[in-house]
C-alpha atoms as a PDB file:
ATOM      1  CA  MET A   1      20.648 -23.568  12.417  1.00  0.00           C
ATOM      2  CA  ALA A   2      23.939 -21.807  11.777  1.00  0.00           C
ATOM      3  CA  ARG A   3      23.938 -18.540   9.903  1.00  0.00           C
ATOM      4  CA  THR A   4      26.012 -18.187   6.733  1.00  0.00           C
ATOM      5  CA  GLN A   5      29.479 -16.875   7.509  1.00  0.00           C
ATOM      6  CA  GLY A   6      29.641 -13.109   7.081  1.00  0.00           C
ATOM      7  CA  SER A   7      25.854 -12.817   7.258  1.00  0.00           C
ATOM      8  CA  HIS A   8      24.225 -10.360   9.665  1.00  0.00           C
ATOM      9  CA  SER A   9      20.517 -10.699  10.384  1.00  0.00           C
ATOM     10  CA  ASP A  10      19.985  -6.935  10.668  1.00  0.00           C
ATOM     11  CA  ILE A  11      21.503  -6.465   7.206  1.00  0.00           C
ATOM     12  CA  THR A  12      20.629  -9.669   5.361  1.00  0.00           C
ATOM     13  CA  GLY A  13      16.971  -9.793   6.445  1.00  0.00           C
ATOM     14  CA  PRO A  14      16.126  -6.373   4.979  1.00  0.00           C
ATOM     15  CA  ARG A  15      18.164  -7.178   1.856  1.00  0.00           C
ATOM     16  CA  ILE A  16      16.114 -10.341   1.355  1.00  0.00           C
ATOM     17  CA  ASP A  17      12.893  -8.358   1.699  1.00  0.00           C
ATOM     18  CA  ALA A  18      14.107  -5.695  -0.747  1.00  0.00           C
ATOM     19  CA  ALA A  19      15.216  -8.283  -3.311  1.00  0.00           C
ATOM     20  CA  ALA A  20      11.945 -10.219  -3.017  1.00  0.00           C
ATOM     21  CA  LEU A  21       9.963  -7.005  -3.391  1.00  0.00           C
ATOM     22  CA  ARG A  22      11.822  -6.052  -6.589  1.00  0.00           C
ATOM     23  CA  LEU A  23      11.589  -9.529  -8.091  1.00  0.00           C
ATOM     24  CA  PHE A  24       7.924 -10.092  -7.196  1.00  0.00           C
ATOM     25  CA  ALA A  25       7.022  -6.701  -8.694  1.00  0.00           C
ATOM     26  CA  GLN A  26       9.035  -7.335 -11.855  1.00  0.00           C
ATOM     27  CA  PHE A  27       8.237 -10.983 -12.587  1.00  0.00           C
ATOM     28  CA  GLY A  28       5.319 -11.913 -10.329  1.00  0.00           C
ATOM     29  CA  PHE A  29       5.304 -14.024  -7.195  1.00  0.00           C
ATOM     30  CA  ALA A  30       4.688 -17.338  -8.969  1.00  0.00           C
ATOM     31  CA  ALA A  31       7.613 -16.861 -11.372  1.00  0.00           C
ATOM     32  CA  VAL A  32      10.206 -16.045  -8.704  1.00  0.00           C
ATOM     33  CA  SER A  33      12.092 -18.799  -6.911  1.00  0.00           C
ATOM     34  CA  MET A  34      13.814 -18.688  -3.553  1.00  0.00           C
ATOM     35  CA  ARG A  35      17.017 -19.404  -5.456  1.00  0.00           C
ATOM     36  CA  GLN A  36      16.543 -16.200  -7.507  1.00  0.00           C
ATOM     37  CA  ILE A  37      15.992 -14.175  -4.340  1.00  0.00           C
ATOM     38  CA  ALA A  38      19.114 -15.682  -2.778  1.00  0.00           C
ATOM     39  CA  GLY A  39      21.092 -14.860  -5.926  1.00  0.00           C
ATOM     40  CA  GLU A  40      19.971 -11.220  -5.767  1.00  0.00           C
ATOM     41  CA  VAL A  41      21.095 -11.000  -2.156  1.00  0.00           C
ATOM     42  CA  GLY A  42      24.310 -12.928  -2.684  1.00  0.00           C
ATOM     43  CA  VAL A  43      23.638 -15.768  -0.264  1.00  0.00           C
ATOM     44  CA  GLN A  44      23.084 -19.505  -0.683  1.00  0.00           C
ATOM     45  CA  ALA A  45      19.456 -20.485  -1.258  1.00  0.00           C
ATOM     46  CA  GLY A  46      19.434 -22.482   1.969  1.00  0.00           C
ATOM     47  CA  ALA A  47      20.456 -19.386   3.920  1.00  0.00           C
ATOM     48  CA  LEU A  48      17.103 -17.744   3.123  1.00  0.00           C
ATOM     49  CA  TYR A  49      15.391 -20.206   5.418  1.00  0.00           C
ATOM     50  CA  ASN A  50      17.209 -18.630   8.356  1.00  0.00           C
ATOM     51  CA  TYR A  51      15.081 -15.548   7.667  1.00  0.00           C
ATOM     52  CA  THR A  52      11.792 -16.936   6.365  1.00  0.00           C
ATOM     53  CA  PRO A  53      10.226 -20.404   6.436  1.00  0.00           C
ATOM     54  CA  ASP A  54       8.927 -20.138   2.858  1.00  0.00           C
ATOM     55  CA  LYS A  55       8.078 -17.834  -0.043  1.00  0.00           C
ATOM     56  CA  GLN A  56       4.443 -17.462   1.098  1.00  0.00           C
ATOM     57  CA  THR A  57       5.580 -16.102   4.463  1.00  0.00           C
ATOM     58  CA  LEU A  58       7.907 -13.693   2.685  1.00  0.00           C
ATOM     59  CA  LEU A  59       5.097 -12.379   0.464  1.00  0.00           C
ATOM     60  CA  PHE A  60       2.796 -12.002   3.447  1.00  0.00           C
ATOM     61  CA  ARG A  61       5.478 -10.177   5.448  1.00  0.00           C
ATOM     62  CA  LEU A  62       6.000  -7.700   2.591  1.00  0.00           C
ATOM     63  CA  MET A  63       2.290  -7.049   2.176  1.00  0.00           C
ATOM     64  CA  ARG A  64       1.622  -6.780   5.911  1.00  0.00           C
ATOM     65  CA  GLY A  65       4.579  -4.417   6.339  1.00  0.00           C
ATOM     66  CA  HIS A  66       3.242  -2.172   3.586  1.00  0.00           C
ATOM     67  CA  MET A  67      -0.244  -2.066   5.080  1.00  0.00           C
ATOM     68  CA  GLU A  68       1.010  -1.449   8.607  1.00  0.00           C
ATOM     69  CA  GLU A  69       3.222   1.388   7.363  1.00  0.00           C
ATOM     70  CA  LEU A  70       0.278   2.874   5.460  1.00  0.00           C
ATOM     71  CA  LEU A  71      -2.027   2.698   8.486  1.00  0.00           C
ATOM     72  CA  ALA A  72       0.566   4.187  10.834  1.00  0.00           C
ATOM     73  CA  ALA A  73       1.384   7.048   8.451  1.00  0.00           C
ATOM     74  CA  ARG A  74      -2.290   7.834   7.943  1.00  0.00           C
ATOM     75  CA  ALA A  75      -3.074   7.704  11.671  1.00  0.00           C
ATOM     76  CA  ALA A  76      -0.232  10.127  12.362  1.00  0.00           C
ATOM     77  CA  ARG A  77      -1.819  12.692  10.018  1.00  0.00           C
ATOM     78  CA  ASP A  78      -5.542  12.300  10.575  1.00  0.00           C
ATOM     79  CA  ALA A  79      -7.379  14.663  12.891  1.00  0.00           C
ATOM     80  CA  PRO A  80     -10.874  13.230  13.516  1.00  0.00           C
ATOM     81  CA  GLU A  81     -12.060  16.469  15.124  1.00  0.00           C
ATOM     82  CA  ALA A  82     -11.137  18.533  12.032  1.00  0.00           C
ATOM     83  CA  ASP A  83     -13.555  19.701   9.355  1.00  0.00           C
ATOM     84  CA  PRO A  84     -14.498  16.750   7.097  1.00  0.00           C
ATOM     85  CA  LEU A  85     -13.560  18.711   3.962  1.00  0.00           C
ATOM     86  CA  ASP A  86     -10.060  19.310   5.350  1.00  0.00           C
ATOM     87  CA  ARG A  87      -9.769  15.656   6.357  1.00  0.00           C
ATOM     88  CA  LEU A  88     -10.852  14.494   2.907  1.00  0.00           C
ATOM     89  CA  ARG A  89      -8.407  16.853   1.184  1.00  0.00           C
ATOM     90  CA  ASP A  90      -5.610  15.549   3.369  1.00  0.00           C
ATOM     91  CA  PHE A  91      -6.619  11.941   2.658  1.00  0.00           C
ATOM     92  CA  VAL A  92      -6.506  12.527  -1.122  1.00  0.00           C
ATOM     93  CA  ARG A  93      -3.085  14.169  -1.038  1.00  0.00           C
ATOM     94  CA  PHE A  94      -1.718  11.632   1.434  1.00  0.00           C
ATOM     95  CA  HIS A  95      -2.951   8.619  -0.545  1.00  0.00           C
ATOM     96  CA  ILE A  96      -1.477   9.822  -3.831  1.00  0.00           C
ATOM     97  CA  ARG A  97       1.899  10.772  -2.395  1.00  0.00           C
ATOM     98  CA  PHE A  98       2.303   7.735  -0.134  1.00  0.00           C
ATOM     99  CA  HIS A  99       1.532   5.291  -2.925  1.00  0.00           C
ATOM    100  CA  LEU A 100       3.585   7.028  -5.613  1.00  0.00           C
ATOM    101  CA  GLU A 101       6.651   6.712  -3.390  1.00  0.00           C
ATOM    102  CA  ARG A 102       6.124   2.918  -3.144  1.00  0.00           C
ATOM    103  CA  PRO A 103       5.238   1.583  -6.610  1.00  0.00           C
ATOM    104  CA  ASP A 104       6.522  -1.960  -6.036  1.00  0.00           C
ATOM    105  CA  GLU A 105       4.695  -2.300  -2.719  1.00  0.00           C
ATOM    106  CA  VAL A 106       1.456  -1.034  -4.278  1.00  0.00           C
ATOM    107  CA  PHE A 107       1.764  -3.341  -7.272  1.00  0.00           C
ATOM    108  CA  ILE A 108       2.297  -6.360  -5.052  1.00  0.00           C
ATOM    109  CA  ALA A 109      -0.437  -5.309  -2.610  1.00  0.00           C
ATOM    110  CA  TYR A 110      -3.017  -5.445  -5.408  1.00  0.00           C
ATOM    111  CA  MET A 111      -1.697  -7.967  -7.920  1.00  0.00           C
ATOM    112  CA  GLU A 112      -0.469 -10.691  -5.593  1.00  0.00           C
ATOM    113  CA  LEU A 113      -3.455 -11.025  -3.273  1.00  0.00           C
ATOM    114  CA  ARG A 114      -4.461 -14.129  -5.226  1.00  0.00           C
ATOM    115  CA  ASN A 115      -1.219 -15.830  -4.192  1.00  0.00           C
ATOM    116  CA  LEU A 116      -1.826 -15.513  -0.464  1.00  0.00           C
ATOM    117  CA  SER A 117      -3.018 -18.439   1.580  1.00  0.00           C
ATOM    118  CA  GLU A 118      -6.581 -18.129   2.854  1.00  0.00           C
ATOM    119  CA  GLU A 119      -5.404 -17.149   6.329  1.00  0.00           C
ATOM    120  CA  ASN A 120      -2.889 -14.583   5.063  1.00  0.00           C
ATOM    121  CA  PHE A 121      -5.443 -13.169   2.625  1.00  0.00           C
ATOM    122  CA  ALA A 122      -7.896 -12.634   5.488  1.00  0.00           C
ATOM    123  CA  ALA A 123      -5.238 -10.802   7.520  1.00  0.00           C
ATOM    124  CA  ILE A 124      -4.330  -8.474   4.638  1.00  0.00           C
ATOM    125  CA  GLU A 125      -7.984  -7.856   3.819  1.00  0.00           C
ATOM    126  CA  ALA A 126      -8.591  -6.856   7.451  1.00  0.00           C
ATOM    127  CA  LEU A 127      -5.779  -4.291   7.233  1.00  0.00           C
ATOM    128  CA  ARG A 128      -7.110  -2.955   3.929  1.00  0.00           C
ATOM    129  CA  ARG A 129     -10.557  -2.675   5.454  1.00  0.00           C
ATOM    130  CA  ARG A 130      -9.143  -0.596   8.320  1.00  0.00           C
ATOM    131  CA  TYR A 131      -7.681   1.844   5.795  1.00  0.00           C
ATOM    132  CA  GLU A 132     -10.945   1.998   3.831  1.00  0.00           C
ATOM    133  CA  ASP A 133     -12.869   2.469   7.074  1.00  0.00           C
ATOM    134  CA  GLY A 134     -10.839   5.603   7.753  1.00  0.00           C
ATOM    135  CA  LEU A 135     -11.994   7.194   4.503  1.00  0.00           C
ATOM    136  CA  GLU A 136     -15.549   5.969   5.023  1.00  0.00           C
ATOM    137  CA  ALA A 137     -15.572   7.632   8.464  1.00  0.00           C
ATOM    138  CA  ILE A 138     -14.545  10.924   6.853  1.00  0.00           C
ATOM    139  CA  LEU A 139     -17.346  10.640   4.304  1.00  0.00           C
ATOM    140  CA  ARG A 140     -19.916   9.767   6.986  1.00  0.00           C
ATOM    141  CA  GLN A 141     -18.740  12.699   9.086  1.00  0.00           C
ATOM    142  CA  GLY A 142     -19.176  14.983   6.073  1.00  0.00           C
ATOM    143  CA  VAL A 143     -22.669  13.651   5.383  1.00  0.00           C
ATOM    144  CA  ALA A 144     -23.662  14.128   9.041  1.00  0.00           C
ATOM    145  CA  ALA A 145     -22.345  17.696   8.945  1.00  0.00           C
ATOM    146  CA  GLY A 146     -24.251  18.439   5.725  1.00  0.00           C
ATOM    147  CA  ARG A 147     -20.995  18.976   3.830  1.00  0.00           C
ATOM    148  CA  PHE A 148     -21.192  15.896   1.571  1.00  0.00           C
ATOM    149  CA  THR A 149     -23.939  14.152  -0.352  1.00  0.00           C
ATOM    150  CA  VAL A 150     -22.999  10.495  -0.575  1.00  0.00           C
ATOM    151  CA  PRO A 151     -25.863   7.984  -0.979  1.00  0.00           C
ATOM    152  CA  ASP A 152     -23.645   5.017  -0.051  1.00  0.00           C
ATOM    153  CA  PRO A 153     -20.432   5.912   1.830  1.00  0.00           C
ATOM    154  CA  LYS A 154     -18.958   2.421   1.388  1.00  0.00           C
ATOM    155  CA  ILE A 155     -19.294   2.503  -2.398  1.00  0.00           C
ATOM    156  CA  ALA A 156     -18.044   6.091  -2.463  1.00  0.00           C
ATOM    157  CA  THR A 157     -15.021   5.014  -0.411  1.00  0.00           C
ATOM    158  CA  LEU A 158     -14.130   2.250  -2.854  1.00  0.00           C
ATOM    159  CA  ALA A 159     -14.677   4.552  -5.837  1.00  0.00           C
ATOM    160  CA  VAL A 160     -12.437   7.296  -4.431  1.00  0.00           C
ATOM    161  CA  ILE A 161      -9.653   4.847  -3.588  1.00  0.00           C
ATOM    162  CA  ALA A 162      -9.885   3.241  -7.039  1.00  0.00           C
ATOM    163  CA  MET A 163      -9.643   6.663  -8.672  1.00  0.00           C
ATOM    164  CA  LEU A 164      -6.661   7.685  -6.544  1.00  0.00           C
ATOM    165  CA  ASN A 165      -4.883   4.380  -7.218  1.00  0.00           C
ATOM    166  CA  GLY A 166      -5.031   5.160 -10.923  1.00  0.00           C
ATOM    167  CA  VAL A 167      -2.377   7.852 -10.487  1.00  0.00           C
ATOM    168  CA  ASN A 168       0.211   5.108  -9.935  1.00  0.00           C
ATOM    169  CA  THR A 169      -0.412   3.713 -13.406  1.00  0.00           C
ATOM    170  CA  TRP A 170       0.263   6.862 -15.393  1.00  0.00           C
ATOM    171  CA  TYR A 171       2.047   9.552 -13.385  1.00  0.00           C
ATOM    172  CA  ARG A 172       5.742  10.065 -14.120  1.00  0.00           C
ATOM    173  CA  SER A 173       7.957  12.610 -12.417  1.00  0.00           C
ATOM    174  CA  GLY A 174       9.164  15.196 -14.901  1.00  0.00           C
ATOM    175  CA  GLY A 175       6.023  14.920 -17.012  1.00  0.00           C
ATOM    176  CA  ARG A 176       3.590  17.635 -18.038  1.00  0.00           C
ATOM    177  CA  LEU A 177       2.197  18.074 -14.519  1.00  0.00           C
ATOM    178  CA  THR A 178       3.933  18.316 -11.171  1.00  0.00           C
ATOM    179  CA  LEU A 179       2.838  16.021  -8.376  1.00  0.00           C
ATOM    180  CA  ALA A 180       1.312  18.994  -6.547  1.00  0.00           C
ATOM    181  CA  GLU A 181      -0.743  19.845  -9.656  1.00  0.00           C
ATOM    182  CA  VAL A 182      -1.947  16.248  -9.962  1.00  0.00           C
ATOM    183  CA  GLU A 183      -2.918  16.207  -6.298  1.00  0.00           C
ATOM    184  CA  THR A 184      -4.879  19.443  -6.759  1.00  0.00           C
ATOM    185  CA  ILE A 185      -6.724  18.130  -9.828  1.00  0.00           C
ATOM    186  CA  TYR A 186      -7.611  14.877  -8.101  1.00  0.00           C
ATOM    187  CA  TRP A 187      -8.702  16.717  -4.968  1.00  0.00           C
ATOM    188  CA  ASP A 188     -11.002  18.879  -7.090  1.00  0.00           C
ATOM    189  CA  MET A 189     -12.537  15.781  -8.726  1.00  0.00           C
ATOM    190  CA  VAL A 190     -13.071  14.035  -5.387  1.00  0.00           C
ATOM    191  CA  ARG A 191     -14.523  17.196  -3.816  1.00  0.00           C
ATOM    192  CA  LYS A 192     -17.014  17.590  -6.662  1.00  0.00           C
ATOM    193  CA  ALA A 193     -17.946  13.902  -6.472  1.00  0.00           C
ATOM    194  CA  VAL A 194     -19.038  14.199  -2.829  1.00  0.00           C
ATOM    195  CA  ALA A 195     -20.142  17.835  -2.710  1.00  0.00           C
ATOM    196  CA  ALA A 196     -23.422  18.637  -0.984  1.00  0.00           C
END
């Protein structure tokens, strides 16, 4: 299939993803048409199909990209041989900062799961589980070392992540607290929640 004149795949593809991300976050996946995405990018609606077979594939690509970026960034920072308290502190600060810098990606990652096909949902859930497993491993390491008291590490993992995700709903740069202060407060709450 011929590409639209003046179109460049290395430029247009990322522009399509960026436009879809903005529109899905603003209006919701179901309310956004391929025609709207094309209009944002400045290409004909038919040209989108040179880059993605359908809207479902586009949503999945955005969500998978976000999760893969999250997993890679976390893996680059984690030090499994380090003290579990240090690892947990780093996880808390990392999670808050990483997600605050990507509000649209986070919104879509949680709110649009219901719009994924069964197969795509399973793939995203597997990636999410890998991220959760990283925190659960830290908590289990802390319990084994006598540093943490956590009756059920899986439930504690989900509770900590839910608490940290809340920052995205209320934190605004330039508000009463700096991001570093928020990270410190949340770290203190998480530390007390798992303290031995």
